[in-house]
């Protein structure tokens, strides 16, 4: 999707502070961190949100969760939160599937 911010980041047209990258996904630090460690993991393929996950693209999401576990272990994070907002009312500001990974502080419940 040509006007999608995260598609542009995934393509390298907009720089990011990368945590990890492979052919399927990109992980990069959030520009407005909400915790001492806060990075995003996005698929390089444009998927609008969790609401657009299907059997055809579910393997991408499974891979992303494997990457999250590996990168958290690499960063020494034993406790963290993974969040995906779906839709504006839930706080999704970029209409491209992404997972926030937050760690380094107490996470309140309920969120929001």
PDB file of N, CA and C in Angstrom:
ATOM      1  N   UNK A   1       0.861  -1.176   0.000  1.00  0.00           N
ATOM      2  CA  UNK A   1       0.000   0.000   0.000  1.00  0.00           C
ATOM      3  C   UNK A   1       0.902   1.233   0.000  1.00  0.00           C
ATOM      4  N   UNK A   2       0.801   2.045  -1.018  1.00  0.00           N
ATOM      5  CA  UNK A   2       1.758   3.121  -1.241  1.00  0.00           C
ATOM      6  C   UNK A   2       1.702   4.255  -0.226  1.00  0.00           C
ATOM      7  N   UNK A   3       0.563   4.509   0.387  1.00  0.00           N
ATOM      8  CA  UNK A   3       0.475   5.615   1.331  1.00  0.00           C
ATOM      9  C   UNK A   3       0.564   5.166   2.794  1.00  0.00           C
ATOM     10  N   UNK A   4       0.903   3.921   3.032  1.00  0.00           N
ATOM     11  CA  UNK A   4       0.964   3.382   4.393  1.00  0.00           C
ATOM     12  C   UNK A   4       2.330   3.659   5.025  1.00  0.00           C
ATOM     13  N   UNK A   5       2.322   4.310   6.177  1.00  0.00           N
ATOM     14  CA  UNK A   5       3.557   4.645   6.890  1.00  0.00           C
ATOM     15  C   UNK A   5       4.405   3.407   7.157  1.00  0.00           C
ATOM     16  N   UNK A   6       3.800   2.339   7.667  1.00  0.00           N
ATOM     17  CA  UNK A   6       4.576   1.151   8.009  1.00  0.00           C
ATOM     18  C   UNK A   6       5.063   0.399   6.770  1.00  0.00           C
ATOM     19  N   UNK A   7       4.326   0.450   5.669  1.00  0.00           N
ATOM     20  CA  UNK A   7       4.817  -0.132   4.419  1.00  0.00           C
ATOM     21  C   UNK A   7       6.068   0.615   3.966  1.00  0.00           C
ATOM     22  N   UNK A   8       6.065   1.937   4.121  1.00  0.00           N
ATOM     23  CA  UNK A   8       7.229   2.746   3.748  1.00  0.00           C
ATOM     24  C   UNK A   8       8.425   2.429   4.648  1.00  0.00           C
ATOM     25  N   UNK A   9       8.180   2.239   5.946  1.00  0.00           N
ATOM     26  CA  UNK A   9       9.259   1.861   6.865  1.00  0.00           C
ATOM     27  C   UNK A   9       9.795   0.485   6.500  1.00  0.00           C
ATOM     28  N   UNK A  10       8.897  -0.463   6.228  1.00  0.00           N
ATOM     29  CA  UNK A  10       9.313  -1.824   5.865  1.00  0.00           C
ATOM     30  C   UNK A  10      10.129  -1.836   4.576  1.00  0.00           C
ATOM     31  N   UNK A  11       9.811  -0.942   3.650  1.00  0.00           N
ATOM     32  CA  UNK A  11      10.527  -0.861   2.380  1.00  0.00           C
ATOM     33  C   UNK A  11      11.849  -0.105   2.498  1.00  0.00           C
ATOM     34  N   UNK A  12      12.072   0.540   3.650  1.00  0.00           N
ATOM     35  CA  UNK A  12      13.303   1.300   3.842  1.00  0.00           C
ATOM     36  C   UNK A  12      13.225   2.732   3.352  1.00  0.00           C
ATOM     37  N   UNK A  13      12.048   3.164   2.896  1.00  0.00           N
ATOM     38  CA  UNK A  13      11.876   4.540   2.414  1.00  0.00           C
ATOM     39  C   UNK A  13      11.874   5.548   3.557  1.00  0.00           C
ATOM     40  N   UNK A  14      11.503   5.088   4.748  1.00  0.00           N
ATOM     41  CA  UNK A  14      11.543   5.909   5.969  1.00  0.00           C
ATOM     42  C   UNK A  14      12.436   5.161   6.947  1.00  0.00           C
ATOM     43  N   UNK A  15      13.451   5.831   7.509  1.00  0.00           N
ATOM     44  CA  UNK A  15      14.366   5.131   8.417  1.00  0.00           C
ATOM     45  C   UNK A  15      13.699   4.750   9.736  1.00  0.00           C
ATOM     46  N   UNK A  16      14.245   3.703  10.349  1.00  0.00           N
ATOM     47  CA  UNK A  16      13.779   3.270  11.671  1.00  0.00           C
ATOM     48  C   UNK A  16      14.973   2.745  12.453  1.00  0.00           C
ATOM     49  N   UNK A  17      14.809   2.698  13.759  1.00  0.00           N
ATOM     50  CA  UNK A  17      15.834   2.137  14.639  1.00  0.00           C
ATOM     51  C   UNK A  17      15.511   0.655  14.796  1.00  0.00           C
ATOM     52  N   UNK A  18      16.124  -0.166  13.956  1.00  0.00           N
ATOM     53  CA  UNK A  18      15.762  -1.577  13.844  1.00  0.00           C
ATOM     54  C   UNK A  18      16.231  -2.399  15.042  1.00  0.00           C
ATOM     55  N   UNK A  19      15.352  -3.307  15.444  1.00  0.00           N
ATOM     56  CA  UNK A  19      15.654  -4.339  16.430  1.00  0.00           C
ATOM     57  C   UNK A  19      15.985  -5.635  15.695  1.00  0.00           C
ATOM     58  N   UNK A  20      15.212  -5.901  14.638  1.00  0.00           N
ATOM     59  CA  UNK A  20      15.328  -7.158  13.891  1.00  0.00           C
ATOM     60  C   UNK A  20      14.682  -6.982  12.527  1.00  0.00           C
ATOM     61  N   UNK A  21      15.212  -7.706  11.546  1.00  0.00           N
ATOM     62  CA  UNK A  21      14.577  -7.725  10.233  1.00  0.00           C
ATOM     63  C   UNK A  21      14.886  -9.041   9.543  1.00  0.00           C
ATOM     64  N   UNK A  22      13.877  -9.576   8.870  1.00  0.00           N
ATOM     65  CA  UNK A  22      14.056 -10.705   7.966  1.00  0.00           C
ATOM     66  C   UNK A  22      13.144 -10.478   6.773  1.00  0.00           C
ATOM     67  N   UNK A  23      12.959 -11.489   5.940  1.00  0.00           N
ATOM     68  CA  UNK A  23      12.158 -11.311   4.728  1.00  0.00           C
ATOM     69  C   UNK A  23      10.660 -11.149   5.018  1.00  0.00           C
ATOM     70  N   UNK A  24      10.221 -11.528   6.204  1.00  0.00           N
ATOM     71  CA  UNK A  24       8.799 -11.522   6.539  1.00  0.00           C
ATOM     72  C   UNK A  24       8.369 -10.336   7.392  1.00  0.00           C
ATOM     73  N   UNK A  25       9.239  -9.910   8.315  1.00  0.00           N
ATOM     74  CA  UNK A  25       8.829  -8.873   9.254  1.00  0.00           C
ATOM     75  C   UNK A  25       9.978  -7.943   9.631  1.00  0.00           C
ATOM     76  N   UNK A  26       9.608  -6.861  10.283  1.00  0.00           N
ATOM     77  CA  UNK A  26      10.554  -5.864  10.765  1.00  0.00           C
ATOM     78  C   UNK A  26      10.164  -5.491  12.181  1.00  0.00           C
ATOM     79  N   UNK A  27      11.153  -5.413  13.050  1.00  0.00           N
ATOM     80  CA  UNK A  27      10.942  -4.929  14.422  1.00  0.00           C
ATOM     81  C   UNK A  27      11.782  -3.678  14.587  1.00  0.00           C
ATOM     82  N   UNK A  28      11.174  -2.640  15.161  1.00  0.00           N
ATOM     83  CA  UNK A  28      11.881  -1.380  15.345  1.00  0.00           C
ATOM     84  C   UNK A  28      11.354  -0.661  16.580  1.00  0.00           C
ATOM     85  N   UNK A  29      12.206   0.184  17.165  1.00  0.00           N
ATOM     86  CA  UNK A  29      11.831   0.900  18.377  1.00  0.00           C
ATOM     87  C   UNK A  29      10.784   1.962  18.074  1.00  0.00           C
ATOM     88  N   UNK A  30       9.812   2.100  18.973  1.00  0.00           N
ATOM     89  CA  UNK A  30       8.747   3.083  18.852  1.00  0.00           C
ATOM     90  C   UNK A  30       9.332   4.490  19.009  1.00  0.00           C
ATOM     91  N   UNK A  31       8.856   5.437  18.195  1.00  0.00           N
ATOM     92  CA  UNK A  31       9.374   6.800  18.288  1.00  0.00           C
ATOM     93  C   UNK A  31       8.789   7.569  19.476  1.00  0.00           C
ATOM     94  N   UNK A  32       7.733   7.041  20.086  1.00  0.00           N
ATOM     95  CA  UNK A  32       7.126   7.646  21.276  1.00  0.00           C
ATOM     96  C   UNK A  32       6.938   6.555  22.324  1.00  0.00           C
ATOM     97  N   UNK A  33       8.052   6.070  22.897  1.00  0.00           N
ATOM     98  CA  UNK A  33       7.964   4.905  23.788  1.00  0.00           C
ATOM     99  C   UNK A  33       7.098   5.137  25.020  1.00  0.00           C
ATOM    100  N   UNK A  34       6.324   4.103  25.347  1.00  0.00           N
ATOM    101  CA  UNK A  34       5.443   4.139  26.513  1.00  0.00           C
ATOM    102  C   UNK A  34       5.983   3.285  27.657  1.00  0.00           C
ATOM    103  N   UNK A  35       7.193   2.770  27.493  1.00  0.00           N
ATOM    104  CA  UNK A  35       7.871   1.963  28.509  1.00  0.00           C
ATOM    105  C   UNK A  35       9.370   2.057  28.211  1.00  0.00           C
ATOM    106  N   UNK A  36      10.215   1.722  29.185  1.00  0.00           N
ATOM    107  CA  UNK A  36      11.660   1.769  28.930  1.00  0.00           C
ATOM    108  C   UNK A  36      12.092   0.963  27.697  1.00  0.00           C
ATOM    109  N   UNK A  37      11.457  -0.168  27.462  1.00  0.00           N
ATOM    110  CA  UNK A  37      11.644  -0.902  26.211  1.00  0.00           C
ATOM    111  C   UNK A  37      10.302  -0.917  25.503  1.00  0.00           C
ATOM    112  N   UNK A  38      10.271  -0.405  24.286  1.00  0.00           N
ATOM    113  CA  UNK A  38       9.029  -0.363  23.508  1.00  0.00           C
ATOM    114  C   UNK A  38       9.406  -0.453  22.031  1.00  0.00           C
ATOM    115  N   UNK A  39       9.126  -1.610  21.452  1.00  0.00           N
ATOM    116  CA  UNK A  39       9.355  -1.746  20.020  1.00  0.00           C
ATOM    117  C   UNK A  39       8.117  -2.329  19.359  1.00  0.00           C
ATOM    118  N   UNK A  40       8.053  -2.147  18.046  1.00  0.00           N
ATOM    119  CA  UNK A  40       6.941  -2.634  17.235  1.00  0.00           C
ATOM    120  C   UNK A  40       7.444  -3.748  16.343  1.00  0.00           C
ATOM    121  N   UNK A  41       6.581  -4.693  16.055  1.00  0.00           N
ATOM    122  CA  UNK A  41       6.889  -5.727  15.071  1.00  0.00           C
ATOM    123  C   UNK A  41       5.764  -5.695  14.039  1.00  0.00           C
ATOM    124  N   UNK A  42       6.167  -5.547  12.773  1.00  0.00           N
ATOM    125  CA  UNK A  42       5.202  -5.433  11.677  1.00  0.00           C
ATOM    126  C   UNK A  42       5.507  -6.471  10.600  1.00  0.00           C
ATOM    127  N   UNK A  43       4.467  -6.940   9.920  1.00  0.00           N
ATOM    128  CA  UNK A  43       4.732  -7.767   8.740  1.00  0.00           C
ATOM    129  C   UNK A  43       5.132  -6.843   7.594  1.00  0.00           C
ATOM    130  N   UNK A  44       5.995  -7.308   6.717  1.00  0.00           N
ATOM    131  CA  UNK A  44       6.352  -6.509   5.543  1.00  0.00           C
ATOM    132  C   UNK A  44       5.195  -6.476   4.544  1.00  0.00           C
ATOM    133  N   UNK A  45       4.404  -7.526   4.533  1.00  0.00           N
ATOM    134  CA  UNK A  45       3.187  -7.575   3.722  1.00  0.00           C
ATOM    135  C   UNK A  45       2.146  -6.688   4.384  1.00  0.00           C
ATOM    136  N   UNK A  46       1.411  -5.920   3.598  1.00  0.00           N
ATOM    137  CA  UNK A  46       0.383  -5.063   4.194  1.00  0.00           C
ATOM    138  C   UNK A  46      -0.826  -5.900   4.622  1.00  0.00           C
ATOM    139  N   UNK A  47      -1.081  -5.873   5.917  1.00  0.00           N
ATOM    140  CA  UNK A  47      -2.285  -6.444   6.523  1.00  0.00           C
ATOM    141  C   UNK A  47      -2.811  -5.322   7.397  1.00  0.00           C
ATOM    142  N   UNK A  48      -4.057  -4.952   7.247  1.00  0.00           N
ATOM    143  CA  UNK A  48      -4.588  -3.773   7.926  1.00  0.00           C
ATOM    144  C   UNK A  48      -4.599  -3.847   9.443  1.00  0.00           C
ATOM    145  N   UNK A  49      -4.944  -4.988   9.990  1.00  0.00           N
ATOM    146  CA  UNK A  49      -5.008  -5.182  11.443  1.00  0.00           C
ATOM    147  C   UNK A  49      -5.266  -6.658  11.715  1.00  0.00           C
ATOM    148  N   UNK A  50      -5.404  -7.007  12.979  1.00  0.00           N
ATOM    149  CA  UNK A  50      -5.749  -8.381  13.344  1.00  0.00           C
ATOM    150  C   UNK A  50      -7.066  -8.795  12.679  1.00  0.00           C
ATOM    151  N   UNK A  51      -7.952  -7.828  12.455  1.00  0.00           N
ATOM    152  CA  UNK A  51      -9.239  -8.117  11.824  1.00  0.00           C
ATOM    153  C   UNK A  51      -9.083  -8.645  10.398  1.00  0.00           C
ATOM    154  N   UNK A  52      -7.912  -8.459   9.792  1.00  0.00           N
ATOM    155  CA  UNK A  52      -7.665  -8.932   8.429  1.00  0.00           C
ATOM    156  C   UNK A  52      -6.802 -10.192   8.385  1.00  0.00           C
ATOM    157  N   UNK A  53      -6.561 -10.814   9.534  1.00  0.00           N
ATOM    158  CA  UNK A  53      -5.803 -12.067   9.552  1.00  0.00           C
ATOM    159  C   UNK A  53      -6.711 -13.191   9.069  1.00  0.00           C
ATOM    160  N   UNK A  54      -6.184 -13.980   8.141  1.00  0.00           N
ATOM    161  CA  UNK A  54      -6.931 -15.092   7.562  1.00  0.00           C
ATOM    162  C   UNK A  54      -6.072 -16.352   7.619  1.00  0.00           C
ATOM    163  N   UNK A  55      -6.643 -17.458   7.222  1.00  0.00           N
ATOM    164  CA  UNK A  55      -5.849 -18.687   7.142  1.00  0.00           C
ATOM    165  C   UNK A  55      -4.699 -18.525   6.157  1.00  0.00           C
ATOM    166  N   UNK A  56      -4.886 -17.703   5.139  1.00  0.00           N
ATOM    167  CA  UNK A  56      -3.851 -17.504   4.120  1.00  0.00           C
ATOM    168  C   UNK A  56      -2.652 -16.708   4.628  1.00  0.00           C
ATOM    169  N   UNK A  57      -2.852 -15.804   5.608  1.00  0.00           N
ATOM    170  CA  UNK A  57      -1.729 -14.995   6.102  1.00  0.00           C
ATOM    171  C   UNK A  57      -1.399 -15.255   7.577  1.00  0.00           C
ATOM    172  N   UNK A  58      -2.040 -16.222   8.180  1.00  0.00           N
ATOM    173  CA  UNK A  58      -1.822 -16.502   9.607  1.00  0.00           C
ATOM    174  C   UNK A  58      -0.391 -16.940   9.910  1.00  0.00           C
ATOM    175  N   UNK A  59       0.290 -17.554   8.964  1.00  0.00           N
ATOM    176  CA  UNK A  59       1.674 -17.975   9.196  1.00  0.00           C
ATOM    177  C   UNK A  59       2.579 -16.772   9.450  1.00  0.00           C
ATOM    178  N   UNK A  60       2.259 -15.638   8.849  1.00  0.00           N
ATOM    179  CA  UNK A  60       3.025 -14.408   9.084  1.00  0.00           C
ATOM    180  C   UNK A  60       2.902 -14.000  10.552  1.00  0.00           C
ATOM    181  N   UNK A  61       1.698 -14.078  11.082  1.00  0.00           N
ATOM    182  CA  UNK A  61       1.468 -13.710  12.485  1.00  0.00           C
ATOM    183  C   UNK A  61       2.186 -14.690  13.415  1.00  0.00           C
ATOM    184  N   UNK A  62       2.133 -15.959  13.112  1.00  0.00           N
ATOM    185  CA  UNK A  62       2.849 -16.957  13.918  1.00  0.00           C
ATOM    186  C   UNK A  62       4.342 -16.662  13.903  1.00  0.00           C
ATOM    187  N   UNK A  63       4.875 -16.318  12.750  1.00  0.00           N
ATOM    188  CA  UNK A  63       6.296 -15.978  12.645  1.00  0.00           C
ATOM    189  C   UNK A  63       6.622 -14.749  13.492  1.00  0.00           C
ATOM    190  N   UNK A  64       5.749 -13.751  13.446  1.00  0.00           N
ATOM    191  CA  UNK A  64       5.969 -12.532  14.237  1.00  0.00           C
ATOM    192  C   UNK A  64       6.047 -12.873  15.721  1.00  0.00           C
ATOM    193  N   UNK A  65       5.179 -13.741  16.206  1.00  0.00           N
ATOM    194  CA  UNK A  65       5.224 -14.105  17.622  1.00  0.00           C
ATOM    195  C   UNK A  65       6.487 -14.888  17.972  1.00  0.00           C
ATOM    196  N   UNK A  66       7.000 -15.660  17.038  1.00  0.00           N
ATOM    197  CA  UNK A  66       8.289 -16.330  17.247  1.00  0.00           C
ATOM    198  C   UNK A  66       9.400 -15.290  17.346  1.00  0.00           C
ATOM    199  N   UNK A  67       9.370 -14.299  16.467  1.00  0.00           N
ATOM    200  CA  UNK A  67      10.366 -13.218  16.485  1.00  0.00           C
ATOM    201  C   UNK A  67      10.273 -12.442  17.798  1.00  0.00           C
ATOM    202  N   UNK A  68       9.061 -12.147  18.246  1.00  0.00           N
ATOM    203  CA  UNK A  68       8.891 -11.434  19.518  1.00  0.00           C
ATOM    204  C   UNK A  68       9.551 -12.211  20.650  1.00  0.00           C
ATOM    205  N   UNK A  69       9.278 -13.504  20.736  1.00  0.00           N
ATOM    206  CA  UNK A  69       9.865 -14.326  21.803  1.00  0.00           C
ATOM    207  C   UNK A  69      11.387 -14.337  21.704  1.00  0.00           C
ATOM    208  N   UNK A  70      11.920 -14.484  20.504  1.00  0.00           N
ATOM    209  CA  UNK A  70      13.376 -14.521  20.319  1.00  0.00           C
ATOM    210  C   UNK A  70      14.024 -13.188  20.686  1.00  0.00           C
ATOM    211  N   UNK A  71      13.434 -12.093  20.238  1.00  0.00           N
ATOM    212  CA  UNK A  71      14.027 -10.784  20.504  1.00  0.00           C
ATOM    213  C   UNK A  71      13.922 -10.403  21.982  1.00  0.00           C
ATOM    214  N   UNK A  72      12.829 -10.764  22.621  1.00  0.00           N
ATOM    215  CA  UNK A  72      12.696 -10.484  24.056  1.00  0.00           C
ATOM    216  C   UNK A  72      13.748 -11.264  24.842  1.00  0.00           C
ATOM    217  N   UNK A  73      13.967 -12.507  24.448  1.00  0.00           N
ATOM    218  CA  UNK A  73      15.004 -13.307  25.099  1.00  0.00           C
ATOM    219  C   UNK A  73      16.379 -12.674  24.863  1.00  0.00           C
ATOM    220  N   UNK A  74      16.644 -12.270  23.631  1.00  0.00           N
ATOM    221  CA  UNK A  74      17.919 -11.634  23.278  1.00  0.00           C
ATOM    222  C   UNK A  74      18.145 -10.350  24.076  1.00  0.00           C
ATOM    223  N   UNK A  75      17.066  -9.592  24.305  1.00  0.00           N
ATOM    224  CA  UNK A  75      17.153  -8.334  25.054  1.00  0.00           C
ATOM    225  C   UNK A  75      17.111  -8.544  26.566  1.00  0.00           C
ATOM    226  N   UNK A  76      16.950  -9.786  26.998  1.00  0.00           N
ATOM    227  CA  UNK A  76      16.914 -10.087  28.428  1.00  0.00           C
ATOM    228  C   UNK A  76      15.607  -9.722  29.102  1.00  0.00           C
ATOM    229  N   UNK A  77      14.539  -9.641  28.333  1.00  0.00           N
ATOM    230  CA  UNK A  77      13.227  -9.281  28.881  1.00  0.00           C
ATOM    231  C   UNK A  77      12.517 -10.542  29.365  1.00  0.00           C
ATOM    232  N   UNK A  78      12.279 -10.623  30.653  1.00  0.00           N
ATOM    233  CA  UNK A  78      11.581 -11.783  31.199  1.00  0.00           C
ATOM    234  C   UNK A  78      10.098 -11.521  31.367  1.00  0.00           C
ATOM    235  N   UNK A  79       9.722 -10.248  31.410  1.00  0.00           N
ATOM    236  CA  UNK A  79       8.332  -9.869  31.587  1.00  0.00           C
ATOM    237  C   UNK A  79       8.028  -8.749  30.598  1.00  0.00           C
ATOM    238  N   UNK A  80       7.008  -8.950  29.794  1.00  0.00           N
ATOM    239  CA  UNK A  80       6.675  -7.942  28.790  1.00  0.00           C
ATOM    240  C   UNK A  80       5.217  -8.090  28.383  1.00  0.00           C
ATOM    241  N   UNK A  81       4.719  -7.059  27.731  1.00  0.00           N
ATOM    242  CA  UNK A  81       3.344  -7.061  27.236  1.00  0.00           C
ATOM    243  C   UNK A  81       3.380  -6.912  25.722  1.00  0.00           C
ATOM    244  N   UNK A  82       2.515  -7.667  25.045  1.00  0.00           N
ATOM    245  CA  UNK A  82       2.355  -7.570  23.603  1.00  0.00           C
ATOM    246  C   UNK A  82       0.939  -7.050  23.353  1.00  0.00           C
ATOM    247  N   UNK A  83       0.833  -5.955  22.582  1.00  0.00           N
ATOM    248  CA  UNK A  83      -0.453  -5.303  22.352  1.00  0.00           C
ATOM    249  C   UNK A  83      -0.654  -5.075  20.860  1.00  0.00           C
ATOM    250  N   UNK A  84      -1.864  -5.334  20.395  1.00  0.00           N
ATOM    251  CA  UNK A  84      -2.249  -4.950  19.046  1.00  0.00           C
ATOM    252  C   UNK A  84      -3.613  -4.281  19.123  1.00  0.00           C
ATOM    253  N   UNK A  85      -3.675  -3.039  18.686  1.00  0.00           N
ATOM    254  CA  UNK A  85      -4.925  -2.288  18.681  1.00  0.00           C
ATOM    255  C   UNK A  85      -5.601  -2.477  17.328  1.00  0.00           C
ATOM    256  N   UNK A  86      -6.920  -2.640  17.345  1.00  0.00           N
ATOM    257  CA  UNK A  86      -7.670  -2.850  16.119  1.00  0.00           C
ATOM    258  C   UNK A  86      -8.738  -1.775  16.018  1.00  0.00           C
ATOM    259  N   UNK A  87      -8.551  -0.839  15.103  1.00  0.00           N
ATOM    260  CA  UNK A  87      -9.508   0.244  14.894  1.00  0.00           C
ATOM    261  C   UNK A  87      -9.172   1.485  15.698  1.00  0.00           C
ATOM    262  N   UNK A  88      -9.693   2.610  15.235  1.00  0.00           N
ATOM    263  CA  UNK A  88      -9.413   3.908  15.850  1.00  0.00           C
ATOM    264  C   UNK A  88      -9.832   3.975  17.317  1.00  0.00           C
ATOM    265  N   UNK A  89     -11.018   3.479  17.647  1.00  0.00           N
ATOM    266  CA  UNK A  89     -11.508   3.563  19.021  1.00  0.00           C
ATOM    267  C   UNK A  89     -10.608   2.801  19.980  1.00  0.00           C
ATOM    268  N   UNK A  90      -9.937   1.771  19.487  1.00  0.00           N
ATOM    269  CA  UNK A  90      -9.021   0.989  20.312  1.00  0.00           C
ATOM    270  C   UNK A  90      -7.619   1.593  20.334  1.00  0.00           C
ATOM    271  N   UNK A  91      -7.396   2.646  19.555  1.00  0.00           N
ATOM    272  CA  UNK A  91      -6.112   3.322  19.565  1.00  0.00           C
ATOM    273  C   UNK A  91      -5.188   2.976  18.414  1.00  0.00           C
ATOM    274  N   UNK A  92      -5.694   2.306  17.378  1.00  0.00           N
ATOM    275  CA  UNK A  92      -4.839   2.002  16.229  1.00  0.00           C
ATOM    276  C   UNK A  92      -4.666   3.264  15.400  1.00  0.00           C
ATOM    277  N   UNK A  93      -3.439   3.801  15.386  1.00  0.00           N
ATOM    278  CA  UNK A  93      -3.185   5.048  14.667  1.00  0.00           C
ATOM    279  C   UNK A  93      -2.601   4.819  13.272  1.00  0.00           C
ATOM    280  N   UNK A  94      -2.042   3.651  13.023  1.00  0.00           N
ATOM    281  CA  UNK A  94      -1.521   3.301  11.694  1.00  0.00           C
ATOM    282  C   UNK A  94      -2.254   2.043  11.236  1.00  0.00           C
ATOM    283  N   UNK A  95      -2.978   2.115  10.124  1.00  0.00           N
ATOM    284  CA  UNK A  95      -3.767   0.965   9.673  1.00  0.00           C
ATOM    285  C   UNK A  95      -2.921  -0.102   8.970  1.00  0.00           C
ATOM    286  N   UNK A  96      -1.977  -0.632   9.715  1.00  0.00           N
ATOM    287  CA  UNK A  96      -1.105  -1.723   9.259  1.00  0.00           C
ATOM    288  C   UNK A  96      -0.895  -2.582  10.492  1.00  0.00           C
ATOM    289  N   UNK A  97      -1.102  -3.880  10.368  1.00  0.00           N
ATOM    290  CA  UNK A  97      -0.949  -4.778  11.509  1.00  0.00           C
ATOM    291  C   UNK A  97       0.388  -4.535  12.196  1.00  0.00           C
ATOM    292  N   UNK A  98       0.350  -4.322  13.494  1.00  0.00           N
ATOM    293  CA  UNK A  98       1.584  -4.182  14.259  1.00  0.00           C
ATOM    294  C   UNK A  98       1.345  -4.589  15.702  1.00  0.00           C
ATOM    295  N   UNK A  99       2.411  -5.073  16.295  1.00  0.00           N
ATOM    296  CA  UNK A  99       2.378  -5.510  17.681  1.00  0.00           C
ATOM    297  C   UNK A  99       3.360  -4.663  18.470  1.00  0.00           C
ATOM    298  N   UNK A 100       2.865  -4.015  19.529  1.00  0.00           N
ATOM    299  CA  UNK A 100       3.716  -3.272  20.442  1.00  0.00           C
ATOM    300  C   UNK A 100       4.273  -4.272  21.454  1.00  0.00           C
ATOM    301  N   UNK A 101       5.556  -4.201  21.727  1.00  0.00           N
ATOM    302  CA  UNK A 101       6.180  -4.996  22.772  1.00  0.00           C
ATOM    303  C   UNK A 101       6.721  -4.003  23.790  1.00  0.00           C
ATOM    304  N   UNK A 102       6.186  -4.085  25.019  1.00  0.00           N
ATOM    305  CA  UNK A 102       6.530  -3.133  26.076  1.00  0.00           C
ATOM    306  C   UNK A 102       7.084  -3.871  27.281  1.00  0.00           C
ATOM    307  N   UNK A 103       8.125  -3.296  27.886  1.00  0.00           N
ATOM    308  CA  UNK A 103       8.736  -3.915  29.059  1.00  0.00           C
ATOM    309  C   UNK A 103       9.507  -2.862  29.840  1.00  0.00           C
ATOM    310  N   UNK A 104       9.863  -3.216  31.064  1.00  0.00           N
ATOM    311  CA  UNK A 104      10.717  -2.356  31.874  1.00  0.00           C
ATOM    312  C   UNK A 104       9.987  -1.511  32.895  1.00  0.00           C
ATOM    313  N   UNK A 105       8.683  -1.702  33.012  1.00  0.00           N
ATOM    314  CA  UNK A 105       7.906  -1.008  34.045  1.00  0.00           C
ATOM    315  C   UNK A 105       6.691  -1.865  34.369  1.00  0.00           C
ATOM    316  N   UNK A 106       6.066  -1.551  35.499  1.00  0.00           N
ATOM    317  CA  UNK A 106       4.828  -2.250  35.846  1.00  0.00           C
ATOM    318  C   UNK A 106       3.747  -1.876  34.827  1.00  0.00           C
ATOM    319  N   UNK A 107       3.019  -2.860  34.368  1.00  0.00           N
ATOM    320  CA  UNK A 107       1.917  -2.646  33.437  1.00  0.00           C
ATOM    321  C   UNK A 107       0.612  -2.715  34.231  1.00  0.00           C
ATOM    322  N   UNK A 108      -0.156  -1.661  34.181  1.00  0.00           N
ATOM    323  CA  UNK A 108      -1.413  -1.618  34.931  1.00  0.00           C
ATOM    324  C   UNK A 108      -2.485  -2.455  34.227  1.00  0.00           C
ATOM    325  N   UNK A 109      -3.480  -2.844  35.004  1.00  0.00           N
ATOM    326  CA  UNK A 109      -4.628  -3.551  34.461  1.00  0.00           C
ATOM    327  C   UNK A 109      -5.880  -3.052  35.135  1.00  0.00           C
ATOM    328  N   UNK A 110      -6.929  -2.741  34.447  1.00  0.00           N
ATOM    329  CA  UNK A 110      -7.041  -2.896  33.014  1.00  0.00           C
ATOM    330  C   UNK A 110      -6.265  -1.802  32.266  1.00  0.00           C
ATOM    331  N   UNK A 111      -5.797  -2.110  31.048  1.00  0.00           N
ATOM    332  CA  UNK A 111      -5.085  -1.109  30.254  1.00  0.00           C
ATOM    333  C   UNK A 111      -6.046  -0.042  29.767  1.00  0.00           C
ATOM    334  N   UNK A 112      -5.484   1.091  29.407  1.00  0.00           N
ATOM    335  CA  UNK A 112      -6.300   2.167  28.820  1.00  0.00           C
ATOM    336  C   UNK A 112      -7.109   2.814  29.836  1.00  0.00           C
TER     337      UNK A 112
END
